[in-house]
Amino acid sequence: MVLRGKNVLVIGLARTGSECASFLTQRGANVVVSDLRREEELETARGALAGLAIRYRLGGEDKSWLAGVDYVIPSPGVAMENVLLREAVALHIPVLSEIELASRFFRAPLMAITGTNGKSTTTTLVGEIMKASGQNIFLGGNLGAPFIGAVSSDWDWGVVEISSFQLEWIEKFRPRIAALLNISEDHLDRYATFGDYCRAKERIFEAQSADDFAVLNRDDPRVWEMRERIKGRVVSFGFAEVRDGVFATANEIIWRARRAEEHFLLRDVKLQGVHNVENMMAAIAMAKCAGMSHTIIQKTLENFPGLEHRLEFVRQKDGVRYYNDSKGTNVGAVVKSLASFNDPVILLAGGIDKGGDYAPLEEGVKKKVRRLVLFGSAKQTIARSLGQLTDTVIVDDMLAAVHDAATHARAGDVVLLSPACSSFDQFANYAERGKVFKRLVREL
């Protein structure tokens, strides 16, 4: 792909847009960056690009900015309905996502992981397994460092977390090993239908060939039915025993392929919860597709501590255990988190509603949740859906939620922050929400 002398419009000046603008400029492209925010709101972002020959269009959007443009690169947060993107499509100007752009310059084989839940844990675990083998690994994508920042270095493998947003504008993006962990309702504030969201996720396999691997969750009907359309070699994971694939028992995970069989013991593994067994099964499937040894995988499973804000144990006080699952930003994630506990749960939930249905939580709330503490802008919506199923209280904020939970918790209870919503009404992001929760719990 030749960029020198090309006119490129980058839409959005968050971290990914900034790194794209820098990369494109260094490759000789004529770069214009547009952002709806005003100049005074972008002082830090523009400072990071100081000294580069970049022009800016700020504080609005105008179709005339597409005149003479050869490529458009949208940041992941820019929806497909954006006026500039719609006009670019109408004018037949190629629109490329950041991962599509990066993949055209990345020279190493690629592992890519997507799904509604578990992406970050699985991606990090796979990366740690690959690193333990002594290979030089790029680990990033939606998880952290943008993929575009890796293309100028030499790597043995790339291991990237991929969101549905990033998959919207791909053409040739082709992972050697791709995994789809699960699909449940999420981002329906962005997609018109759940089917649109599912189709965006499925695109991770779109450019694969018979030489590639597609790792699928056979216990998820929406994921498993995709196997008929996938061109890569399907490797499945799930809880039921199979002749070829990965499955789990109470004490181990078993990998089988063409008469070979390996057993991975769970006795000394730190990750807990049924959802993390699924994440480990997917990671083992991907690692075996990449040729990793049993010894390296087993040792990494035992050493991996898990990620912050993902069913993270905070403390035990007066016989009550507190867990931070702030990354549980959708209903499907909370369903899995509740399934991880046998003790009574006081559930803290709320934030910005993402347009999904709370009904999948009904069974878990009835069976597991002794008290439901709701906060944030979606609190009334959640209360209407679930409030009649258990003792429910509505509070103003996280401080009140933690204090209410601590007041009503009994020895043996679990207090779980798993919000089922995004965080942007009261926090900068899910990480800040989780850190505030942990601080308040430790101050009890």
Protein backbone atom coordinates (compact mmCIF):
# COMPACT_ATOMS: atom_id res chain seq x y z
CA MET A 1 0.00 0.00 0.00
CA VAL A 2 1.52 3.30 -1.11
CA LEU A 3 0.86 6.24 1.20
CA ARG A 4 3.41 8.78 0.03
CA GLY A 5 1.67 11.72 -1.58
CA LYS A 6 -1.82 10.41 -0.74
CA ASN A 7 -4.39 12.67 0.87
CA VAL A 8 -5.80 11.03 3.99
CA LEU A 9 -8.55 12.22 6.32
CA VAL A 10 -8.37 10.84 9.88
CA ILE A 11 -11.65 11.21 11.77
CA GLY A 12 -11.28 11.54 15.53
CA LEU A 13 -8.28 12.63 17.59
CA ALA A 14 -8.38 10.14 20.44
CA ARG A 15 -5.41 7.82 20.99
CA THR A 16 -6.00 5.64 17.92
CA GLY A 17 -6.62 8.61 15.63
CA SER A 18 -3.52 10.35 16.93
CA GLU A 19 -1.32 7.30 16.29
CA CYS A 20 -2.79 6.85 12.82
CA ALA A 21 -2.11 10.49 11.97
CA SER A 22 1.49 10.15 13.15
CA PHE A 23 2.06 6.93 11.20
CA LEU A 24 0.53 8.29 8.00
CA THR A 25 2.55 11.49 8.17
CA GLN A 26 5.78 9.58 8.70
CA ARG A 27 4.93 7.48 5.62
CA GLY A 28 4.65 10.59 3.48
CA ALA A 29 0.88 11.06 3.38
CA ASN A 30 -0.80 14.46 3.44
CA VAL A 31 -2.89 14.18 6.60
CA VAL A 32 -5.93 16.12 7.72
CA VAL A 33 -7.47 15.33 11.10
CA SER A 34 -11.09 16.18 11.86
CA ASP A 35 -12.73 16.21 15.27
CA LEU A 36 -16.04 17.53 16.56
CA ARG A 37 -14.31 19.00 19.59
CA ARG A 38 -12.94 22.54 19.57
CA GLU A 39 -9.27 23.47 19.55
CA GLU A 40 -9.11 24.27 23.27
CA GLU A 41 -10.44 20.78 24.09
CA LEU A 42 -7.68 19.10 22.06
CA GLU A 43 -4.62 20.87 23.38
CA THR A 44 -3.07 17.69 24.82
CA ALA A 45 -3.86 15.55 21.78
CA ARG A 46 -2.45 18.11 19.37
CA GLY A 47 0.60 18.55 21.56
CA ALA A 48 1.44 14.87 21.02
CA LEU A 49 1.56 15.55 17.28
CA ALA A 50 3.56 18.78 17.48
CA GLY A 51 6.12 19.15 14.73
CA LEU A 52 4.26 16.94 12.25
CA ALA A 53 2.81 18.42 9.07
CA ILE A 54 -0.82 17.78 9.96
CA ARG A 55 -3.76 20.05 9.18
CA TYR A 56 -6.80 20.17 11.45
CA ARG A 57 -10.54 20.59 10.88
CA LEU A 58 -12.10 21.07 14.30
CA GLY A 59 -15.43 21.88 15.91
CA GLY A 60 -17.69 20.39 13.26
CA GLU A 61 -17.95 18.35 10.07
CA ASP A 62 -18.35 19.39 6.46
CA LYS A 63 -18.65 17.16 3.39
CA SER A 64 -16.40 19.54 1.46
CA TRP A 65 -13.46 18.28 3.55
CA LEU A 66 -13.53 15.10 1.44
CA ALA A 67 -12.54 16.90 -1.75
CA GLY A 68 -9.39 15.27 -3.13
CA VAL A 69 -9.17 12.71 -0.30
CA ASP A 70 -7.76 9.29 -1.24
CA TYR A 71 -8.43 7.44 2.03
CA VAL A 72 -10.53 7.97 5.16
CA ILE A 73 -9.39 6.46 8.47
CA PRO A 74 -12.09 6.64 11.20
CA SER A 75 -11.31 6.19 14.87
CA PRO A 76 -13.19 3.19 16.38
CA GLY A 77 -15.54 5.48 18.30
CA VAL A 78 -16.86 7.07 15.09
CA ALA A 79 -20.14 5.38 14.10
CA MET A 80 -20.84 4.30 10.53
CA GLU A 81 -23.67 6.85 10.36
CA ASN A 82 -21.18 9.71 10.67
CA VAL A 83 -21.80 12.27 7.93
CA LEU A 84 -18.23 12.15 6.62
CA LEU A 85 -18.24 8.35 6.48
CA ARG A 86 -21.58 8.24 4.67
CA GLU A 87 -20.37 10.78 2.16
CA ALA A 88 -17.05 8.95 1.66
CA VAL A 89 -18.95 5.75 0.84
CA ALA A 90 -21.20 7.65 -1.57
CA LEU A 91 -18.09 9.09 -3.30
CA HIS A 92 -16.38 5.65 -3.38
CA ILE A 93 -13.50 6.88 -1.25
CA PRO A 94 -11.92 3.88 0.52
CA VAL A 95 -12.65 3.84 4.26
CA LEU A 96 -10.14 1.76 6.25
CA SER A 97 -10.18 1.03 9.95
CA GLU A 98 -6.99 1.39 11.97
CA ILE A 99 -6.56 -2.40 12.16
CA GLU A 100 -7.00 -2.69 8.39
CA LEU A 101 -4.37 -0.02 7.82
CA ALA A 102 -1.98 -1.61 10.31
CA SER A 103 -2.43 -5.13 8.94
CA ARG A 104 -1.21 -4.00 5.52
CA PHE A 105 2.17 -3.11 7.01
CA PHE A 106 2.48 -5.68 9.84
CA ARG A 107 4.91 -8.39 8.72
CA ALA A 108 4.39 -11.09 11.38
CA PRO A 109 1.54 -13.62 11.68
CA LEU A 110 -1.41 -12.38 13.67
CA MET A 111 -3.67 -13.73 16.40
CA ALA A 112 -6.91 -11.79 16.87
CA ILE A 113 -9.54 -12.22 19.59
CA THR A 114 -13.04 -10.78 19.67
CA GLY A 115 -16.28 -11.46 21.53
CA THR A 116 -18.68 -9.61 23.78
CA ASN A 117 -16.92 -10.69 26.97
CA GLY A 118 -13.54 -12.09 27.94
CA LYS A 119 -11.52 -10.48 25.15
CA SER A 120 -8.96 -8.73 27.32
CA THR A 121 -8.33 -11.68 29.64
CA THR A 122 -8.00 -14.14 26.76
CA THR A 123 -5.81 -11.82 24.68
CA THR A 124 -3.47 -11.15 27.59
CA LEU A 125 -3.29 -14.84 28.51
CA VAL A 126 -2.47 -15.83 24.92
CA GLY A 127 0.18 -13.10 24.81
CA GLU A 128 1.75 -14.35 28.03
CA ILE A 129 1.87 -17.92 26.70
CA MET A 130 3.58 -16.74 23.52
CA LYS A 131 6.05 -14.60 25.46
CA ALA A 132 6.88 -17.54 27.73
CA SER A 133 8.00 -19.44 24.64
CA GLY A 134 10.72 -16.83 24.11
CA GLN A 135 9.10 -15.12 21.14
CA ASN A 136 8.93 -11.38 20.53
CA ILE A 137 5.23 -10.56 20.83
CA PHE A 138 3.22 -7.43 20.17
CA LEU A 139 0.25 -7.39 22.55
CA GLY A 140 -2.38 -4.70 22.11
CA GLY A 141 -5.23 -3.56 19.89
CA ASN A 142 -8.44 -2.65 21.66
CA LEU A 143 -6.78 -3.90 24.84
CA GLY A 144 -4.19 -1.13 25.06
CA ALA A 145 -1.55 -0.01 22.57
CA PRO A 146 -3.12 0.63 19.14
CA PHE A 147 -2.11 -1.94 16.52
CA ILE A 148 -0.85 0.79 14.18
CA GLY A 149 1.95 1.57 16.64
CA ALA A 150 3.44 -1.91 16.11
CA VAL A 151 4.00 -1.88 12.37
CA SER A 152 7.47 -0.34 12.38
CA SER A 153 9.04 -3.03 14.58
CA ASP A 154 9.98 -6.66 14.03
CA TRP A 155 7.81 -9.21 15.82
CA ASP A 156 7.41 -12.97 15.82
CA TRP A 157 3.64 -12.71 16.39
CA GLY A 158 1.00 -10.08 16.94
CA VAL A 159 -1.70 -10.81 19.54
CA VAL A 160 -4.52 -8.28 19.38
CA GLU A 161 -7.90 -7.73 20.99
CA ILE A 162 -10.41 -6.58 18.39
CA SER A 163 -13.75 -4.84 18.97
CA SER A 164 -16.77 -4.88 16.68
CA PHE A 165 -16.16 -1.18 16.01
CA GLN A 166 -12.69 -1.95 14.64
CA LEU A 167 -14.09 -4.65 12.34
CA GLU A 168 -16.58 -2.36 10.62
CA TRP A 169 -14.16 -1.06 7.98
CA ILE A 170 -11.89 -3.99 7.13
CA GLU A 171 -11.10 -5.46 3.71
CA LYS A 172 -7.97 -7.63 3.87
CA PHE A 173 -7.47 -7.96 7.64
CA ARG A 174 -6.47 -11.62 7.97
CA PRO A 175 -5.47 -13.20 11.27
CA ARG A 176 -3.58 -16.47 11.04
CA ILE A 177 -5.54 -17.51 14.15
CA ALA A 178 -8.82 -15.75 15.01
CA ALA A 179 -11.14 -16.41 17.94
CA LEU A 180 -14.75 -15.44 18.62
CA LEU A 181 -15.40 -16.08 22.31
CA ASN A 182 -19.11 -15.36 22.66
CA ILE A 183 -21.86 -12.98 21.57
CA SER A 184 -24.53 -11.39 23.75
CA GLU A 185 -26.44 -8.13 23.50
CA ASP A 186 -24.11 -5.13 23.66
CA HIS A 187 -23.59 -1.80 21.91
CA LEU A 188 -27.21 -1.64 20.78
CA ASP A 189 -26.85 2.10 21.24
CA ARG A 190 -24.57 1.88 18.19
CA TYR A 191 -26.08 -0.94 16.11
CA ALA A 192 -29.61 -0.86 14.76
CA THR A 193 -30.16 -4.56 15.52
CA PHE A 194 -28.48 -7.39 17.40
CA GLY A 195 -27.97 -9.06 14.03
CA ASP A 196 -25.88 -6.11 12.86
CA TYR A 197 -23.68 -6.48 15.92
CA CYS A 198 -23.26 -10.23 15.30
CA ARG A 199 -22.33 -9.65 11.67
CA ALA A 200 -19.70 -7.11 12.69
CA LYS A 201 -18.13 -9.66 15.04
CA GLU A 202 -18.14 -12.39 12.39
CA ARG A 203 -16.07 -10.23 10.07
CA ILE A 204 -12.94 -11.23 12.00
CA PHE A 205 -12.96 -14.43 9.87
CA GLU A 206 -13.88 -12.75 6.58
CA ALA A 207 -10.46 -12.75 4.87
CA GLN A 208 -9.22 -16.07 6.25
CA SER A 209 -8.35 -19.01 4.01
CA ALA A 210 -8.15 -22.76 4.54
CA ASP A 211 -4.61 -22.27 5.86
CA ASP A 212 -5.88 -20.25 8.86
CA PHE A 213 -7.54 -21.25 12.14
CA ALA A 214 -10.92 -20.09 13.45
CA VAL A 215 -11.47 -20.73 17.17
CA LEU A 216 -15.19 -20.87 18.04
CA ASN A 217 -17.24 -21.33 21.20
CA ARG A 218 -19.48 -24.29 20.38
CA ASP A 219 -21.61 -23.63 23.50
CA ASP A 220 -22.73 -20.26 22.09
CA PRO A 221 -25.39 -20.92 19.42
CA ARG A 222 -24.84 -17.59 17.67
CA VAL A 223 -21.11 -18.25 17.41
CA TRP A 224 -21.32 -21.93 16.55
CA GLU A 225 -23.69 -21.47 13.62
CA MET A 226 -21.03 -19.35 11.92
CA ARG A 227 -18.87 -22.44 11.34
CA GLU A 228 -20.77 -23.19 8.12
CA ARG A 229 -19.63 -19.88 6.59
CA ILE A 230 -16.02 -19.82 7.77
CA LYS A 231 -13.24 -20.71 5.32
CA GLY A 232 -10.55 -21.33 7.96
CA ARG A 233 -10.05 -24.57 9.88
CA VAL A 234 -12.49 -24.53 12.80
CA VAL A 235 -11.14 -25.41 16.25
CA SER A 236 -13.87 -25.44 18.90
CA PHE A 237 -14.01 -25.11 22.66
CA GLY A 238 -16.81 -25.85 25.11
CA PHE A 239 -17.68 -27.85 28.20
CA ALA A 240 -18.93 -31.08 26.61
CA GLU A 241 -16.40 -33.75 25.65
CA VAL A 242 -15.45 -33.86 21.95
CA ARG A 243 -13.20 -36.01 19.80
CA ASP A 244 -11.46 -32.96 18.27
CA GLY A 245 -11.24 -29.64 20.09
CA VAL A 246 -11.01 -28.34 23.65
CA PHE A 247 -13.32 -29.23 26.55
CA ALA A 248 -13.34 -28.91 30.33
CA THR A 249 -14.07 -31.05 33.35
CA ALA A 250 -14.24 -29.94 36.97
CA ASN A 251 -10.49 -30.34 37.39
CA GLU A 252 -8.85 -29.91 34.00
CA ILE A 253 -9.03 -28.65 30.45
CA ILE A 254 -8.38 -31.20 27.70
CA TRP A 255 -7.13 -30.51 24.18
CA ARG A 256 -7.61 -33.13 21.48
CA ALA A 257 -6.53 -33.08 17.85
CA ARG A 258 -5.96 -35.99 15.48
CA ARG A 259 -5.24 -38.65 18.12
CA ALA A 260 -3.11 -36.26 20.20
CA GLU A 261 -4.35 -35.31 23.66
CA GLU A 262 -3.04 -32.99 26.37
CA HIS A 263 -4.43 -32.33 29.88
CA PHE A 264 -4.11 -28.95 31.61
CA LEU A 265 -4.73 -29.10 35.36
CA LEU A 266 -6.77 -26.33 37.01
CA ARG A 267 -5.74 -27.10 40.61
CA ASP A 268 -3.12 -24.31 40.83
CA VAL A 269 -4.72 -21.85 38.40
CA LYS A 270 -5.49 -18.41 39.86
CA LEU A 271 -8.32 -17.48 37.48
CA GLN A 272 -11.73 -18.29 38.95
CA GLY A 273 -15.23 -18.47 37.53
CA VAL A 274 -16.95 -20.37 34.73
CA HIS A 275 -16.29 -17.54 32.28
CA ASN A 276 -12.57 -17.77 32.95
CA VAL A 277 -12.63 -21.50 32.23
CA GLU A 278 -14.04 -20.54 28.83
CA ASN A 279 -11.32 -17.93 28.41
CA MET A 280 -8.64 -20.49 29.27
CA MET A 281 -10.10 -23.03 26.84
CA ALA A 282 -9.98 -20.44 24.04
CA ALA A 283 -6.42 -19.45 24.95
CA ILE A 284 -5.29 -23.09 24.95
CA ALA A 285 -6.91 -23.65 21.56
CA MET A 286 -5.11 -20.65 20.08
CA ALA A 287 -1.79 -21.54 21.69
CA LYS A 288 -1.93 -25.11 20.36
CA CYS A 289 -2.77 -23.79 16.88
CA ALA A 290 0.43 -21.74 17.18
CA GLY A 291 2.44 -24.81 18.20
CA MET A 292 3.01 -23.99 21.88
CA SER A 293 4.11 -26.80 24.21
CA HIS A 294 2.08 -28.29 27.05
CA THR A 295 4.69 -27.26 29.62
CA ILE A 296 4.68 -23.59 28.62
CA ILE A 297 0.88 -23.39 28.51
CA GLN A 298 0.42 -25.13 31.89
CA LYS A 299 3.00 -22.96 33.62
CA THR A 300 1.51 -19.77 32.18
CA LEU A 301 -2.01 -20.76 33.25
CA GLU A 302 -0.76 -21.21 36.80
CA ASN A 303 1.20 -17.95 36.89
CA PHE A 304 -1.42 -15.70 35.27
CA PRO A 305 -3.10 -13.51 37.94
CA GLY A 306 -5.96 -12.19 35.84
CA LEU A 307 -6.71 -8.57 34.95
CA GLU A 308 -7.77 -5.60 37.02
CA HIS A 309 -11.51 -4.82 37.07
CA ARG A 310 -12.45 -8.31 35.86
CA LEU A 311 -13.93 -10.26 38.79
CA GLU A 312 -11.02 -8.92 40.84
CA PHE A 313 -10.95 -9.82 44.53
CA VAL A 314 -10.61 -6.61 46.57
CA ARG A 315 -10.77 -7.63 50.22
CA GLN A 316 -12.58 -9.62 52.88
CA LYS A 317 -14.05 -7.77 55.85
CA ASP A 318 -16.20 -9.22 58.61
CA GLY A 319 -16.66 -12.40 56.60
CA VAL A 320 -17.85 -10.50 53.49
CA ARG A 321 -15.89 -10.76 50.23
CA TYR A 322 -15.79 -7.77 47.86
CA TYR A 323 -15.19 -8.16 44.11
CA ASN A 324 -14.55 -5.51 41.46
CA ASP A 325 -16.03 -6.46 38.08
CA SER A 326 -16.28 -2.94 36.67
CA LYS A 327 -15.46 -4.30 33.20
CA GLY A 328 -18.83 -6.07 33.30
CA THR A 329 -20.37 -3.39 31.10
CA ASN A 330 -23.09 -5.55 29.53
CA VAL A 331 -25.73 -8.01 30.66
CA GLY A 332 -23.92 -11.09 29.33
CA ALA A 333 -20.85 -10.30 31.40
CA VAL A 334 -22.90 -9.99 34.60
CA VAL A 335 -24.66 -13.31 33.89
CA LYS A 336 -21.25 -15.03 33.78
CA SER A 337 -20.00 -13.19 36.87
CA LEU A 338 -23.03 -14.19 38.95
CA ALA A 339 -22.56 -17.80 37.83
CA SER A 340 -19.11 -17.73 39.44
CA PHE A 341 -20.53 -17.51 42.99
CA ASN A 342 -22.46 -19.96 45.13
CA ASP A 343 -22.82 -17.61 48.10
CA PRO A 344 -25.49 -14.87 48.37
CA VAL A 345 -24.59 -11.76 46.35
CA ILE A 346 -25.24 -8.09 46.94
CA LEU A 347 -25.02 -6.76 43.39
CA LEU A 348 -24.05 -3.15 42.62
CA ALA A 349 -25.17 -2.19 39.12
CA GLY A 350 -25.93 0.83 36.97
CA GLY A 351 -24.44 3.47 34.71
CA ILE A 352 -25.42 4.35 31.17
CA ASP A 353 -27.88 1.96 29.56
CA LYS A 354 -26.53 0.45 26.30
CA GLY A 355 -29.86 -0.44 24.76
CA GLY A 356 -29.88 -4.14 25.65
CA ASP A 357 -32.43 -6.32 27.43
CA TYR A 358 -31.93 -7.03 31.15
CA ALA A 359 -34.12 -10.15 31.01
CA PRO A 360 -31.15 -12.58 30.76
CA LEU A 361 -30.26 -11.50 34.31
CA GLU A 362 -33.60 -12.54 35.78
CA GLU A 363 -32.66 -16.11 36.69
CA GLY A 364 -29.32 -15.11 38.21
CA VAL A 365 -30.89 -12.31 40.23
CA LYS A 366 -33.64 -14.58 41.56
CA LYS A 367 -31.24 -17.38 42.52
CA LYS A 368 -28.14 -15.50 43.62
CA VAL A 369 -28.79 -11.83 44.43
CA ARG A 370 -29.97 -11.13 47.97
CA ARG A 371 -29.93 -7.35 47.49
CA LEU A 372 -29.70 -5.23 44.34
CA VAL A 373 -28.15 -1.77 44.74
CA LEU A 374 -28.67 0.49 41.71
CA PHE A 375 -26.98 3.78 40.85
CA GLY A 376 -26.31 5.89 37.75
CA SER A 377 -28.53 7.06 34.93
CA ALA A 378 -29.92 3.57 34.16
CA LYS A 379 -30.97 2.80 37.73
CA GLN A 380 -34.70 3.30 37.15
CA THR A 381 -34.62 1.26 33.94
CA ILE A 382 -32.90 -1.65 35.68
CA ALA A 383 -35.25 -1.36 38.65
CA ARG A 384 -38.29 -1.67 36.37
CA SER A 385 -36.83 -4.81 34.79
CA LEU A 386 -35.31 -6.57 37.82
CA GLY A 387 -36.34 -4.72 40.97
CA GLN A 388 -39.33 -6.97 41.75
CA LEU A 389 -37.13 -10.08 41.82
CA THR A 390 -35.20 -9.29 44.99
CA ASP A 391 -34.71 -6.67 47.69
CA THR A 392 -33.81 -3.57 45.64
CA VAL A 393 -32.64 -0.09 46.57
CA ILE A 394 -31.83 2.95 44.42
CA VAL A 395 -28.99 5.24 45.53
CA ASP A 396 -27.30 8.33 44.14
CA ASP A 397 -23.74 7.22 43.50
CA MET A 398 -20.97 4.68 44.11
CA LEU A 399 -20.25 5.98 47.60
CA ALA A 400 -23.84 5.39 48.67
CA ALA A 401 -23.90 2.01 46.92
CA VAL A 402 -20.81 0.71 48.74
CA HIS A 403 -22.03 1.97 52.11
CA ASP A 404 -25.46 0.41 51.59
CA ALA A 405 -23.90 -2.92 50.64
CA ALA A 406 -21.56 -2.89 53.63
CA THR A 407 -24.45 -2.06 55.96
CA HIS A 408 -26.65 -4.92 54.77
CA ALA A 409 -24.00 -7.59 54.06
CA ARG A 410 -23.76 -10.62 56.33
CA ALA A 411 -20.81 -12.94 56.89
CA GLY A 412 -20.59 -15.28 53.91
CA ASP A 413 -22.04 -12.76 51.45
CA VAL A 414 -20.33 -11.51 48.31
CA VAL A 415 -20.52 -7.81 47.40
CA LEU A 416 -20.08 -7.61 43.64
CA LEU A 417 -19.69 -4.51 41.49
CA SER A 418 -20.77 -5.74 38.04
CA PRO A 419 -22.64 -2.80 36.52
CA ALA A 420 -24.13 -4.16 33.23
CA CYS A 421 -23.74 -0.60 31.92
CA SER A 422 -21.07 1.75 30.64
CA SER A 423 -19.55 4.20 33.08
CA PHE A 424 -19.58 7.55 31.35
CA ASP A 425 -22.37 9.18 33.35
CA GLN A 426 -20.29 9.40 36.55
CA PHE A 427 -16.78 8.21 35.59
CA ALA A 428 -14.21 8.71 32.83
CA ASN A 429 -14.24 4.97 32.04
CA TYR A 430 -14.75 1.55 33.60
CA ALA A 431 -11.23 1.61 35.05
CA GLU A 432 -11.86 4.78 37.04
CA ARG A 433 -15.17 3.31 38.27
CA GLY A 434 -13.37 0.17 39.43
CA LYS A 435 -10.61 2.12 41.17
CA VAL A 436 -13.16 4.25 43.02
CA PHE A 437 -15.01 1.12 44.13
CA LYS A 438 -11.79 -0.46 45.42
CA ARG A 439 -10.81 2.68 47.28
CA LEU A 440 -14.20 2.94 48.96
CA VAL A 441 -14.15 -0.75 49.92
CA ARG A 442 -10.68 -0.47 51.44
CA GLU A 443 -11.81 2.55 53.42
CA LEU A 444 -14.65 0.66 55.08
